[in-house]
Amino acid sequence: MRHLTGRWRIVEMDLWDQDAIDLVAPGFIEFTPDGFGQLGFIAVGGDLDCRTTIRDGRPFVEFSWVGDDDGHEVSGRGWAAQDADGALSGHLYFHRGDDSGFRATPLTAAQEGRRR
């Protein structure tokens, strides 16, 4: 989990363009050392429950999530794997709804400062 721990900036999703991803705030996914995390994109915010492992020699995480989408309760699952270039590639699923691939890059200290 160490390589995945931290906040990642969602830079691409299959279903939505960057303007949509960043509608309310910059899109992100975050993994904490205690096996939890958060995500946020469009008007969706959620808490993660994560399980990590190594697949094909690279860090990999599977998670379930529960949260809010513009005032409506939502939940789902997903996964992410660290690519050779250090970015994340993964997929998010809404329970009984949309699903989308995503790509995320490590959030830099400068980006984190602008977020506050």
PDB file of N, CA and C in Angstrom:
ATOM      1  N   MET A   1       0.827  -1.203   0.000  1.00  0.00           N
ATOM      2  CA  MET A   1       0.000   0.000   0.000  1.00  0.00           C
ATOM      3  C   MET A   1       0.862   1.255   0.000  1.00  0.00           C
ATOM      4  N   ARG A   2       2.096   1.136   0.464  1.00  0.00           N
ATOM      5  CA  ARG A   2       2.955   2.307   0.602  1.00  0.00           C
ATOM      6  C   ARG A   2       3.054   3.101  -0.697  1.00  0.00           C
ATOM      7  N   HIS A   3       3.178   2.424  -1.841  1.00  0.00           N
ATOM      8  CA  HIS A   3       3.325   3.134  -3.107  1.00  0.00           C
ATOM      9  C   HIS A   3       2.027   3.800  -3.545  1.00  0.00           C
ATOM     10  N   LEU A   4       0.909   3.326  -3.042  1.00  0.00           N
ATOM     11  CA  LEU A   4      -0.383   3.882  -3.421  1.00  0.00           C
ATOM     12  C   LEU A   4      -0.882   4.928  -2.438  1.00  0.00           C
ATOM     13  N   THR A   5      -0.303   4.952  -1.236  1.00  0.00           N
ATOM     14  CA  THR A   5      -0.752   5.871  -0.202  1.00  0.00           C
ATOM     15  C   THR A   5      -0.578   7.314  -0.661  1.00  0.00           C
ATOM     16  N   GLY A   6      -1.608   8.099  -0.415  1.00  0.00           N
ATOM     17  CA  GLY A   6      -1.571   9.515  -0.752  1.00  0.00           C
ATOM     18  C   GLY A   6      -2.741   9.902  -1.633  1.00  0.00           C
ATOM     19  N   ARG A   7      -2.748  11.167  -2.012  1.00  0.00           N
ATOM     20  CA  ARG A   7      -3.825  11.708  -2.844  1.00  0.00           C
ATOM     21  C   ARG A   7      -3.358  11.754  -4.290  1.00  0.00           C
ATOM     22  N   TRP A   8      -4.211  11.269  -5.160  1.00  0.00           N
ATOM     23  CA  TRP A   8      -3.937  11.195  -6.589  1.00  0.00           C
ATOM     24  C   TRP A   8      -4.932  12.073  -7.339  1.00  0.00           C
ATOM     25  N   ARG A   9      -4.465  12.811  -8.289  1.00  0.00           N
ATOM     26  CA  ARG A   9      -5.294  13.700  -9.110  1.00  0.00           C
ATOM     27  C   ARG A   9      -5.865  12.911 -10.283  1.00  0.00           C
ATOM     28  N   ILE A  10      -7.191  12.852 -10.402  1.00  0.00           N
ATOM     29  CA  ILE A  10      -7.807  12.171 -11.536  1.00  0.00           C
ATOM     30  C   ILE A  10      -7.648  13.065 -12.765  1.00  0.00           C
ATOM     31  N   VAL A  11      -6.904  12.583 -13.749  1.00  0.00           N
ATOM     32  CA  VAL A  11      -6.596  13.375 -14.936  1.00  0.00           C
ATOM     33  C   VAL A  11      -7.350  12.899 -16.176  1.00  0.00           C
ATOM     34  N   GLU A  12      -8.023  11.766 -16.060  1.00  0.00           N
ATOM     35  CA  GLU A  12      -8.750  11.244 -17.217  1.00  0.00           C
ATOM     36  C   GLU A  12      -9.776  10.221 -16.754  1.00  0.00           C
ATOM     37  N   MET A  13     -10.965  10.276 -17.361  1.00  0.00           N
ATOM     38  CA  MET A  13     -11.991   9.251 -17.142  1.00  0.00           C
ATOM     39  C   MET A  13     -12.625   8.930 -18.486  1.00  0.00           C
ATOM     40  N   ASP A  14     -13.053   7.681 -18.658  1.00  0.00           N
ATOM     41  CA  ASP A  14     -13.646   7.269 -19.928  1.00  0.00           C
ATOM     42  C   ASP A  14     -14.950   7.993 -20.234  1.00  0.00           C
ATOM     43  N   LEU A  15     -15.789   8.205 -19.221  1.00  0.00           N
ATOM     44  CA  LEU A  15     -17.125   8.757 -19.460  1.00  0.00           C
ATOM     45  C   LEU A  15     -17.226  10.268 -19.385  1.00  0.00           C
ATOM     46  N   TRP A  16     -16.289  10.925 -18.709  1.00  0.00           N
ATOM     47  CA  TRP A  16     -16.419  12.355 -18.467  1.00  0.00           C
ATOM     48  C   TRP A  16     -15.128  13.086 -18.824  1.00  0.00           C
ATOM     49  N   ASP A  17     -15.273  14.312 -19.345  1.00  0.00           N
ATOM     50  CA  ASP A  17     -14.092  15.115 -19.662  1.00  0.00           C
ATOM     51  C   ASP A  17     -13.600  15.823 -18.397  1.00  0.00           C
ATOM     52  N   GLN A  18     -12.446  16.476 -18.501  1.00  0.00           N
ATOM     53  CA  GLN A  18     -11.822  17.078 -17.325  1.00  0.00           C
ATOM     54  C   GLN A  18     -12.691  18.158 -16.696  1.00  0.00           C
ATOM     55  N   ASP A  19     -13.405  18.951 -17.502  1.00  0.00           N
ATOM     56  CA  ASP A  19     -14.293  19.974 -16.935  1.00  0.00           C
ATOM     57  C   ASP A  19     -15.363  19.343 -16.062  1.00  0.00           C
ATOM     58  N   ALA A  20     -15.922  18.217 -16.490  1.00  0.00           N
ATOM     59  CA  ALA A  20     -16.926  17.522 -15.682  1.00  0.00           C
ATOM     60  C   ALA A  20     -16.287  16.923 -14.439  1.00  0.00           C
ATOM     61  N   ILE A  21     -15.142  16.273 -14.593  1.00  0.00           N
ATOM     62  CA  ILE A  21     -14.456  15.648 -13.453  1.00  0.00           C
ATOM     63  C   ILE A  21     -14.213  16.676 -12.353  1.00  0.00           C
ATOM     64  N   ASP A  22     -13.831  17.898 -12.747  1.00  0.00           N
ATOM     65  CA  ASP A  22     -13.468  18.962 -11.806  1.00  0.00           C
ATOM     66  C   ASP A  22     -14.629  19.918 -11.509  1.00  0.00           C
ATOM     67  N   LEU A  23     -15.860  19.503 -11.746  1.00  0.00           N
ATOM     68  CA  LEU A  23     -17.028  20.382 -11.615  1.00  0.00           C
ATOM     69  C   LEU A  23     -17.103  21.092 -10.270  1.00  0.00           C
ATOM     70  N   VAL A  24     -17.003  20.365  -9.174  1.00  0.00           N
ATOM     71  CA  VAL A  24     -17.119  20.951  -7.838  1.00  0.00           C
ATOM     72  C   VAL A  24     -15.742  21.280  -7.264  1.00  0.00           C
ATOM     73  N   ALA A  25     -14.791  20.396  -7.483  1.00  0.00           N
ATOM     74  CA  ALA A  25     -13.413  20.549  -7.010  1.00  0.00           C
ATOM     75  C   ALA A  25     -12.551  19.636  -7.873  1.00  0.00           C
ATOM     76  N   PRO A  26     -11.238  19.830  -7.871  1.00  0.00           N
ATOM     77  CA  PRO A  26     -10.391  18.933  -8.665  1.00  0.00           C
ATOM     78  C   PRO A  26     -10.634  17.466  -8.293  1.00  0.00           C
ATOM     79  N   GLY A  27     -10.829  16.623  -9.308  1.00  0.00           N
ATOM     80  CA  GLY A  27     -11.073  15.206  -9.086  1.00  0.00           C
ATOM     81  C   GLY A  27      -9.881  14.525  -8.435  1.00  0.00           C
ATOM     82  N   PHE A  28     -10.151  13.616  -7.488  1.00  0.00           N
ATOM     83  CA  PHE A  28      -9.065  12.937  -6.786  1.00  0.00           C
ATOM     84  C   PHE A  28      -9.522  11.576  -6.287  1.00  0.00           C
ATOM     85  N   ILE A  29      -8.547  10.757  -5.958  1.00  0.00           N
ATOM     86  CA  ILE A  29      -8.743   9.530  -5.194  1.00  0.00           C
ATOM     87  C   ILE A  29      -7.586   9.466  -4.215  1.00  0.00           C
ATOM     88  N   GLU A  30      -7.881   9.061  -2.981  1.00  0.00           N
ATOM     89  CA  GLU A  30      -6.868   9.055  -1.926  1.00  0.00           C
ATOM     90  C   GLU A  30      -6.902   7.726  -1.185  1.00  0.00           C
ATOM     91  N   PHE A  31      -5.711   7.191  -0.924  1.00  0.00           N
ATOM     92  CA  PHE A  31      -5.566   5.957  -0.156  1.00  0.00           C
ATOM     93  C   PHE A  31      -4.742   6.271   1.086  1.00  0.00           C
ATOM     94  N   THR A  32      -5.243   5.872   2.257  1.00  0.00           N
ATOM     95  CA  THR A  32      -4.543   6.135   3.508  1.00  0.00           C
ATOM     96  C   THR A  32      -3.854   4.858   4.003  1.00  0.00           C
ATOM     97  N   PRO A  33      -2.836   4.998   4.857  1.00  0.00           N
ATOM     98  CA  PRO A  33      -2.088   3.830   5.322  1.00  0.00           C
ATOM     99  C   PRO A  33      -2.941   2.814   6.104  1.00  0.00           C
ATOM    100  N   ASP A  34      -4.071   3.257   6.653  1.00  0.00           N
ATOM    101  CA  ASP A  34      -4.906   2.371   7.464  1.00  0.00           C
ATOM    102  C   ASP A  34      -5.921   1.569   6.651  1.00  0.00           C
ATOM    103  N   GLY A  35      -5.828   1.611   5.308  1.00  0.00           N
ATOM    104  CA  GLY A  35      -6.711   0.821   4.464  1.00  0.00           C
ATOM    105  C   GLY A  35      -8.018   1.495   4.102  1.00  0.00           C
ATOM    106  N   PHE A  36      -8.093   2.783   4.311  1.00  0.00           N
ATOM    107  CA  PHE A  36      -9.280   3.536   3.944  1.00  0.00           C
ATOM    108  C   PHE A  36      -8.905   4.579   2.900  1.00  0.00           C
ATOM    109  N   GLY A  37      -9.817   5.473   2.592  1.00  0.00           N
ATOM    110  CA  GLY A  37      -9.527   6.526   1.642  1.00  0.00           C
ATOM    111  C   GLY A  37     -10.762   7.315   1.293  1.00  0.00           C
ATOM    112  N   GLN A  38     -10.623   8.151   0.268  1.00  0.00           N
ATOM    113  CA  GLN A  38     -11.690   9.018  -0.195  1.00  0.00           C
ATOM    114  C   GLN A  38     -11.593   9.158  -1.702  1.00  0.00           C
ATOM    115  N   LEU A  39     -12.696   9.592  -2.304  1.00  0.00           N
ATOM    116  CA  LEU A  39     -12.673   9.971  -3.710  1.00  0.00           C
ATOM    117  C   LEU A  39     -13.603  11.152  -3.911  1.00  0.00           C
ATOM    118  N   GLY A  40     -13.353  11.902  -4.947  1.00  0.00           N
ATOM    119  CA  GLY A  40     -14.206  13.027  -5.298  1.00  0.00           C
ATOM    120  C   GLY A  40     -14.039  13.360  -6.764  1.00  0.00           C
ATOM    121  N   PHE A  41     -15.156  13.484  -7.469  1.00  0.00           N
ATOM    122  CA  PHE A  41     -15.163  13.921  -8.865  1.00  0.00           C
ATOM    123  C   PHE A  41     -16.596  14.302  -9.216  1.00  0.00           C
ATOM    124  N   ILE A  42     -16.763  15.175 -10.184  1.00  0.00           N
ATOM    125  CA  ILE A  42     -18.053  15.744 -10.564  1.00  0.00           C
ATOM    126  C   ILE A  42     -18.708  16.244  -9.271  1.00  0.00           C
ATOM    127  N   ALA A  43     -19.891  15.731  -8.892  1.00  0.00           N
ATOM    128  CA  ALA A  43     -20.541  16.082  -7.628  1.00  0.00           C
ATOM    129  C   ALA A  43     -20.561  14.879  -6.692  1.00  0.00           C
ATOM    130  N   VAL A  44     -19.645  13.928  -6.913  1.00  0.00           N
ATOM    131  CA  VAL A  44     -19.568  12.696  -6.131  1.00  0.00           C
ATOM    132  C   VAL A  44     -18.476  12.835  -5.083  1.00  0.00           C
ATOM    133  N   GLY A  45     -18.794  12.424  -3.859  1.00  0.00           N
ATOM    134  CA  GLY A  45     -17.806  12.326  -2.796  1.00  0.00           C
ATOM    135  C   GLY A  45     -18.038  11.025  -2.067  1.00  0.00           C
ATOM    136  N   GLY A  46     -16.977  10.318  -1.727  1.00  0.00           N
ATOM    137  CA  GLY A  46     -17.175   9.037  -1.067  1.00  0.00           C
ATOM    138  C   GLY A  46     -16.002   8.597  -0.222  1.00  0.00           C
ATOM    139  N   ASP A  47     -16.297   7.645   0.662  1.00  0.00           N
ATOM    140  CA  ASP A  47     -15.299   7.020   1.524  1.00  0.00           C
ATOM    141  C   ASP A  47     -14.991   5.627   0.998  1.00  0.00           C
ATOM    142  N   LEU A  48     -13.719   5.246   1.044  1.00  0.00           N
ATOM    143  CA  LEU A  48     -13.254   3.965   0.528  1.00  0.00           C
ATOM    144  C   LEU A  48     -12.899   2.991   1.653  1.00  0.00           C
ATOM    145  N   ASP A  49     -13.099   1.721   1.391  1.00  0.00           N
ATOM    146  CA  ASP A  49     -12.626   0.611   2.228  1.00  0.00           C
ATOM    147  C   ASP A  49     -11.768  -0.243   1.304  1.00  0.00           C
ATOM    148  N   CYS A  50     -10.455  -0.264   1.528  1.00  0.00           N
ATOM    149  CA  CYS A  50      -9.483  -0.793   0.558  1.00  0.00           C
ATOM    150  C   CYS A  50      -8.829  -2.098   0.996  1.00  0.00           C
ATOM    151  N   ARG A  51      -8.472  -2.895   0.002  1.00  0.00           N
ATOM    152  CA  ARG A  51      -7.663  -4.095   0.183  1.00  0.00           C
ATOM    153  C   ARG A  51      -6.554  -4.037  -0.862  1.00  0.00           C
ATOM    154  N   THR A  52      -5.315  -4.176  -0.416  1.00  0.00           N
ATOM    155  CA  THR A  52      -4.182  -4.040  -1.330  1.00  0.00           C
ATOM    156  C   THR A  52      -3.436  -5.354  -1.479  1.00  0.00           C
ATOM    157  N   THR A  53      -2.745  -5.444  -2.608  1.00  0.00           N
ATOM    158  CA  THR A  53      -1.917  -6.612  -2.893  1.00  0.00           C
ATOM    159  C   THR A  53      -0.914  -6.218  -3.970  1.00  0.00           C
ATOM    160  N   ILE A  54      -0.163  -7.172  -4.439  1.00  0.00           N
ATOM    161  CA  ILE A  54       0.747  -6.973  -5.568  1.00  0.00           C
ATOM    162  C   ILE A  54       0.238  -7.865  -6.693  1.00  0.00           C
ATOM    163  N   ARG A  55       0.078  -7.303  -7.888  1.00  0.00           N
ATOM    164  CA  ARG A  55      -0.308  -8.083  -9.072  1.00  0.00           C
ATOM    165  C   ARG A  55       0.670  -7.758 -10.190  1.00  0.00           C
ATOM    166  N   ASP A  56       1.168  -8.778 -10.817  1.00  0.00           N
ATOM    167  CA  ASP A  56       2.143  -8.598 -11.892  1.00  0.00           C
ATOM    168  C   ASP A  56       3.307  -7.724 -11.451  1.00  0.00           C
ATOM    169  N   GLY A  57       3.687  -7.848 -10.170  1.00  0.00           N
ATOM    170  CA  GLY A  57       4.826  -7.109  -9.635  1.00  0.00           C
ATOM    171  C   GLY A  57       4.555  -5.658  -9.311  1.00  0.00           C
ATOM    172  N   ARG A  58       3.297  -5.218  -9.401  1.00  0.00           N
ATOM    173  CA  ARG A  58       2.966  -3.811  -9.141  1.00  0.00           C
ATOM    174  C   ARG A  58       1.895  -3.696  -8.061  1.00  0.00           C
ATOM    175  N   PRO A  59       1.916  -2.585  -7.296  1.00  0.00           N
ATOM    176  CA  PRO A  59       0.879  -2.366  -6.285  1.00  0.00           C
ATOM    177  C   PRO A  59      -0.516  -2.321  -6.930  1.00  0.00           C
ATOM    178  N   PHE A  60      -1.479  -2.936  -6.243  1.00  0.00           N
ATOM    179  CA  PHE A  60      -2.852  -3.041  -6.741  1.00  0.00           C
ATOM    180  C   PHE A  60      -3.788  -2.906  -5.551  1.00  0.00           C
ATOM    181  N   VAL A  61      -4.880  -2.178  -5.737  1.00  0.00           N
ATOM    182  CA  VAL A  61      -5.861  -1.999  -4.671  1.00  0.00           C
ATOM    183  C   VAL A  61      -7.268  -2.231  -5.217  1.00  0.00           C
ATOM    184  N   GLU A  62      -8.080  -2.948  -4.440  1.00  0.00           N
ATOM    185  CA  GLU A  62      -9.502  -3.099  -4.713  1.00  0.00           C
ATOM    186  C   GLU A  62     -10.231  -2.405  -3.575  1.00  0.00           C
ATOM    187  N   PHE A  63     -11.376  -1.801  -3.870  1.00  0.00           N
ATOM    188  CA  PHE A  63     -12.084  -1.076  -2.820  1.00  0.00           C
ATOM    189  C   PHE A  63     -13.585  -1.073  -3.077  1.00  0.00           C
ATOM    190  N   SER A  64     -14.303  -0.928  -1.975  1.00  0.00           N
ATOM    191  CA  SER A  64     -15.715  -0.599  -2.052  1.00  0.00           C
ATOM    192  C   SER A  64     -15.809   0.861  -1.610  1.00  0.00           C
ATOM    193  N   TRP A  65     -16.891   1.511  -2.008  1.00  0.00           N
ATOM    194  CA  TRP A  65     -17.051   2.902  -1.599  1.00  0.00           C
ATOM    195  C   TRP A  65     -18.527   3.224  -1.385  1.00  0.00           C
ATOM    196  N   VAL A  66     -18.761   4.203  -0.550  1.00  0.00           N
ATOM    197  CA  VAL A  66     -20.103   4.703  -0.270  1.00  0.00           C
ATOM    198  C   VAL A  66     -19.998   6.217  -0.137  1.00  0.00           C
ATOM    199  N   GLY A  67     -21.017   6.922  -0.653  1.00  0.00           N
ATOM    200  CA  GLY A  67     -20.943   8.370  -0.597  1.00  0.00           C
ATOM    201  C   GLY A  67     -22.201   9.052  -1.076  1.00  0.00           C
ATOM    202  N   ASP A  68     -21.992  10.220  -1.648  1.00  0.00           N
ATOM    203  CA  ASP A  68     -23.063  11.118  -2.029  1.00  0.00           C
ATOM    204  C   ASP A  68     -22.812  11.632  -3.449  1.00  0.00           C
ATOM    205  N   ASP A  69     -23.865  11.709  -4.241  1.00  0.00           N
ATOM    206  CA  ASP A  69     -23.796  12.294  -5.576  1.00  0.00           C
ATOM    207  C   ASP A  69     -24.877  13.358  -5.664  1.00  0.00           C
ATOM    208  N   ASP A  70     -24.491  14.603  -5.409  1.00  0.00           N
ATOM    209  CA  ASP A  70     -25.415  15.741  -5.479  1.00  0.00           C
ATOM    210  C   ASP A  70     -26.661  15.503  -4.629  1.00  0.00           C
ATOM    211  N   GLY A  71     -26.446  15.012  -3.401  1.00  0.00           N
ATOM    212  CA  GLY A  71     -27.547  14.818  -2.468  1.00  0.00           C
ATOM    213  C   GLY A  71     -28.182  13.440  -2.481  1.00  0.00           C
ATOM    214  N   HIS A  72     -27.719  12.555  -3.354  1.00  0.00           N
ATOM    215  CA  HIS A  72     -28.268  11.203  -3.441  1.00  0.00           C
ATOM    216  C   HIS A  72     -27.216  10.198  -2.970  1.00  0.00           C
ATOM    217  N   GLU A  73     -27.649   9.260  -2.114  1.00  0.00           N
ATOM    218  CA  GLU A  73     -26.730   8.238  -1.627  1.00  0.00           C
ATOM    219  C   GLU A  73     -26.312   7.327  -2.774  1.00  0.00           C
ATOM    220  N   VAL A  74     -25.012   7.081  -2.886  1.00  0.00           N
ATOM    221  CA  VAL A  74     -24.460   6.202  -3.921  1.00  0.00           C
ATOM    222  C   VAL A  74     -23.410   5.293  -3.291  1.00  0.00           C
ATOM    223  N   SER A  75     -23.139   4.195  -3.979  1.00  0.00           N
ATOM    224  CA  SER A  75     -22.105   3.282  -3.524  1.00  0.00           C
ATOM    225  C   SER A  75     -21.569   2.542  -4.736  1.00  0.00           C
ATOM    226  N   GLY A  76     -20.501   1.802  -4.507  1.00  0.00           N
ATOM    227  CA  GLY A  76     -19.927   1.039  -5.606  1.00  0.00           C
ATOM    228  C   GLY A  76     -18.654   0.347  -5.197  1.00  0.00           C
ATOM    229  N   ARG A  77     -17.870   0.046  -6.200  1.00  0.00           N
ATOM    230  CA  ARG A  77     -16.605  -0.648  -6.004  1.00  0.00           C
ATOM    231  C   ARG A  77     -15.621  -0.135  -7.037  1.00  0.00           C
ATOM    232  N   GLY A  78     -14.388  -0.577  -6.942  1.00  0.00           N
ATOM    233  CA  GLY A  78     -13.395  -0.180  -7.928  1.00  0.00           C
ATOM    234  C   GLY A  78     -12.062  -0.842  -7.667  1.00  0.00           C
ATOM    235  N   TRP A  79     -11.133  -0.523  -8.527  1.00  0.00           N
ATOM    236  CA  TRP A  79      -9.766  -1.021  -8.394  1.00  0.00           C
ATOM    237  C   TRP A  79      -8.830  -0.014  -9.045  1.00  0.00           C
ATOM    238  N   ALA A  80      -7.563  -0.105  -8.651  1.00  0.00           N
ATOM    239  CA  ALA A  80      -6.520   0.725  -9.255  1.00  0.00           C
ATOM    240  C   ALA A  80      -5.201  -0.028  -9.173  1.00  0.00           C
ATOM    241  N   ALA A  81      -4.374   0.148 -10.190  1.00  0.00           N
ATOM    242  CA  ALA A  81      -3.045  -0.461 -10.235  1.00  0.00           C
ATOM    243  C   ALA A  81      -2.046   0.613 -10.636  1.00  0.00           C
ATOM    244  N   GLN A  82      -0.876   0.541 -10.065  1.00  0.00           N
ATOM    245  CA  GLN A  82       0.166   1.496 -10.412  1.00  0.00           C
ATOM    246  C   GLN A  82       0.836   1.054 -11.705  1.00  0.00           C
ATOM    247  N   ASP A  83       0.900   1.972 -12.661  1.00  0.00           N
ATOM    248  CA  ASP A  83       1.536   1.713 -13.944  1.00  0.00           C
ATOM    249  C   ASP A  83       3.049   1.839 -13.833  1.00  0.00           C
ATOM    250  N   ALA A  84       3.745   1.392 -14.859  1.00  0.00           N
ATOM    251  CA  ALA A  84       5.206   1.472 -14.888  1.00  0.00           C
ATOM    252  C   ALA A  84       5.698   2.918 -14.777  1.00  0.00           C
ATOM    253  N   ASP A  85       4.898   3.885 -15.280  1.00  0.00           N
ATOM    254  CA  ASP A  85       5.294   5.296 -15.217  1.00  0.00           C
ATOM    255  C   ASP A  85       4.951   5.948 -13.877  1.00  0.00           C
ATOM    256  N   GLY A  86       4.394   5.187 -12.926  1.00  0.00           N
ATOM    257  CA  GLY A  86       4.073   5.709 -11.601  1.00  0.00           C
ATOM    258  C   GLY A  86       2.658   6.220 -11.462  1.00  0.00           C
ATOM    259  N   ALA A  87       1.924   6.352 -12.560  1.00  0.00           N
ATOM    260  CA  ALA A  87       0.526   6.799 -12.509  1.00  0.00           C
ATOM    261  C   ALA A  87      -0.364   5.620 -12.109  1.00  0.00           C
ATOM    262  N   LEU A  88      -1.617   5.912 -11.829  1.00  0.00           N
ATOM    263  CA  LEU A  88      -2.613   4.881 -11.536  1.00  0.00           C
ATOM    264  C   LEU A  88      -3.544   4.723 -12.717  1.00  0.00           C
ATOM    265  N   SER A  89      -3.907   3.495 -13.006  1.00  0.00           N
ATOM    266  CA  SER A  89      -4.991   3.199 -13.933  1.00  0.00           C
ATOM    267  C   SER A  89      -5.978   2.354 -13.159  1.00  0.00           C
ATOM    268  N   GLY A  90      -7.269   2.617 -13.343  1.00  0.00           N
ATOM    269  CA  GLY A  90      -8.246   1.857 -12.596  1.00  0.00           C
ATOM    270  C   GLY A  90      -9.625   1.964 -13.182  1.00  0.00           C
ATOM    271  N   HIS A  91     -10.585   1.493 -12.422  1.00  0.00           N
ATOM    272  CA  HIS A  91     -11.973   1.503 -12.860  1.00  0.00           C
ATOM    273  C   HIS A  91     -12.867   1.707 -11.643  1.00  0.00           C
ATOM    274  N   LEU A  92     -13.860   2.588 -11.789  1.00  0.00           N
ATOM    275  CA  LEU A  92     -14.853   2.857 -10.752  1.00  0.00           C
ATOM    276  C   LEU A  92     -16.209   2.374 -11.221  1.00  0.00           C
ATOM    277  N   TYR A  93     -16.949   1.730 -10.324  1.00  0.00           N
ATOM    278  CA  TYR A  93     -18.281   1.235 -10.625  1.00  0.00           C
ATOM    279  C   TYR A  93     -19.283   1.829  -9.637  1.00  0.00           C
ATOM    280  N   PHE A  94     -20.391   2.356 -10.140  1.00  0.00           N
ATOM    281  CA  PHE A  94     -21.517   2.757  -9.310  1.00  0.00           C
ATOM    282  C   PHE A  94     -22.454   1.555  -9.206  1.00  0.00           C
ATOM    283  N   HIS A  95     -22.914   1.248  -8.004  1.00  0.00           N
ATOM    284  CA  HIS A  95     -23.870   0.158  -7.823  1.00  0.00           C
ATOM    285  C   HIS A  95     -25.117   0.452  -8.662  1.00  0.00           C
ATOM    286  N   ARG A  96     -25.447  -0.468  -9.559  1.00  0.00           N
ATOM    287  CA  ARG A  96     -26.596  -0.340 -10.466  1.00  0.00           C
ATOM    288  C   ARG A  96     -26.562   0.938 -11.305  1.00  0.00           C
ATOM    289  N   GLY A  97     -25.341   1.313 -11.746  1.00  0.00           N
ATOM    290  CA  GLY A  97     -25.218   2.547 -12.521  1.00  0.00           C
ATOM    291  C   GLY A  97     -24.015   2.530 -13.439  1.00  0.00           C
ATOM    292  N   ASP A  98     -23.510   3.721 -13.712  1.00  0.00           N
ATOM    293  CA  ASP A  98     -22.382   3.915 -14.618  1.00  0.00           C
ATOM    294  C   ASP A  98     -21.112   3.250 -14.089  1.00  0.00           C
ATOM    295  N   ASP A  99     -20.173   3.041 -14.990  1.00  0.00           N
ATOM    296  CA  ASP A  99     -18.820   2.661 -14.614  1.00  0.00           C
ATOM    297  C   ASP A  99     -17.869   3.328 -15.592  1.00  0.00           C
ATOM    298  N   SER A 100     -16.675   3.629 -15.117  1.00  0.00           N
ATOM    299  CA  SER A 100     -15.715   4.344 -15.947  1.00  0.00           C
ATOM    300  C   SER A 100     -14.290   3.998 -15.554  1.00  0.00           C
ATOM    301  N   GLY A 101     -13.448   3.835 -16.556  1.00  0.00           N
ATOM    302  CA  GLY A 101     -12.020   3.758 -16.320  1.00  0.00           C
ATOM    303  C   GLY A 101     -11.514   5.126 -15.920  1.00  0.00           C
ATOM    304  N   PHE A 102     -10.378   5.151 -15.235  1.00  0.00           N
ATOM    305  CA  PHE A 102      -9.772   6.429 -14.868  1.00  0.00           C
ATOM    306  C   PHE A 102      -8.258   6.299 -14.858  1.00  0.00           C
ATOM    307  N   ARG A 103      -7.622   7.445 -14.939  1.00  0.00           N
ATOM    308  CA  ARG A 103      -6.168   7.552 -14.803  1.00  0.00           C
ATOM    309  C   ARG A 103      -5.908   8.687 -13.830  1.00  0.00           C
ATOM    310  N   ALA A 104      -4.943   8.482 -12.937  1.00  0.00           N
ATOM    311  CA  ALA A 104      -4.622   9.486 -11.920  1.00  0.00           C
ATOM    312  C   ALA A 104      -3.118   9.589 -11.758  1.00  0.00           C
ATOM    313  N   THR A 105      -2.655  10.779 -11.415  1.00  0.00           N
ATOM    314  CA  THR A 105      -1.240  11.035 -11.176  1.00  0.00           C
ATOM    315  C   THR A 105      -1.060  11.520  -9.744  1.00  0.00           C
ATOM    316  N   PRO A 106       0.128  11.320  -9.173  1.00  0.00           N
ATOM    317  CA  PRO A 106       0.340  11.781  -7.794  1.00  0.00           C
ATOM    318  C   PRO A 106       0.087  13.277  -7.673  1.00  0.00           C
ATOM    319  N   LEU A 107      -0.629  13.669  -6.647  1.00  0.00           N
ATOM    320  CA  LEU A 107      -0.888  15.084  -6.401  1.00  0.00           C
ATOM    321  C   LEU A 107       0.366  15.692  -5.792  1.00  0.00           C
ATOM    322  N   THR A 108       0.875  16.743  -6.398  1.00  0.00           N
ATOM    323  CA  THR A 108       2.090  17.383  -5.906  1.00  0.00           C
ATOM    324  C   THR A 108       1.759  18.325  -4.748  1.00  0.00           C
ATOM    325  N   ALA A 109       2.772  18.691  -3.990  1.00  0.00           N
ATOM    326  CA  ALA A 109       2.587  19.624  -2.871  1.00  0.00           C
ATOM    327  C   ALA A 109       2.032  20.959  -3.387  1.00  0.00           C
ATOM    328  N   ALA A 110       2.472  21.413  -4.555  1.00  0.00           N
ATOM    329  CA  ALA A 110       1.983  22.679  -5.107  1.00  0.00           C
ATOM    330  C   ALA A 110       0.499  22.582  -5.442  1.00  0.00           C
ATOM    331  N   GLN A 111       0.071  21.456  -6.036  1.00  0.00           N
ATOM    332  CA  GLN A 111      -1.340  21.270  -6.339  1.00  0.00           C
ATOM    333  C   GLN A 111      -2.153  21.187  -5.062  1.00  0.00           C
ATOM    334  N   GLU A 112      -1.632  20.527  -4.048  1.00  0.00           N
ATOM    335  CA  GLU A 112      -2.328  20.380  -2.769  1.00  0.00           C
ATOM    336  C   GLU A 112      -2.523  21.744  -2.131  1.00  0.00           C
ATOM    337  N   GLY A 113      -1.515  22.609  -2.225  1.00  0.00           N
ATOM    338  CA  GLY A 113      -1.619  23.955  -1.661  1.00  0.00           C
ATOM    339  C   GLY A 113      -2.692  24.790  -2.333  1.00  0.00           C
ATOM    340  N   ARG A 114      -2.828  24.651  -3.661  1.00  0.00           N
ATOM    341  CA  ARG A 114      -3.853  25.386  -4.404  1.00  0.00           C
ATOM    342  C   ARG A 114      -5.252  24.901  -4.066  1.00  0.00           C
ATOM    343  N   ARG A 115      -5.368  23.644  -3.639  1.00  0.00           N
ATOM    344  CA  ARG A 115      -6.661  23.048  -3.341  1.00  0.00           C
ATOM    345  C   ARG A 115      -7.271  23.676  -2.084  1.00  0.00           C
ATOM    346  N   ARG A 116      -6.456  24.125  -1.181  1.00  0.00           N
ATOM    347  CA  ARG A 116      -6.940  24.623   0.120  1.00  0.00           C
ATOM    348  C   ARG A 116      -7.446  26.013   0.040  1.00  0.00           C
TER     349      ARG A 116
END
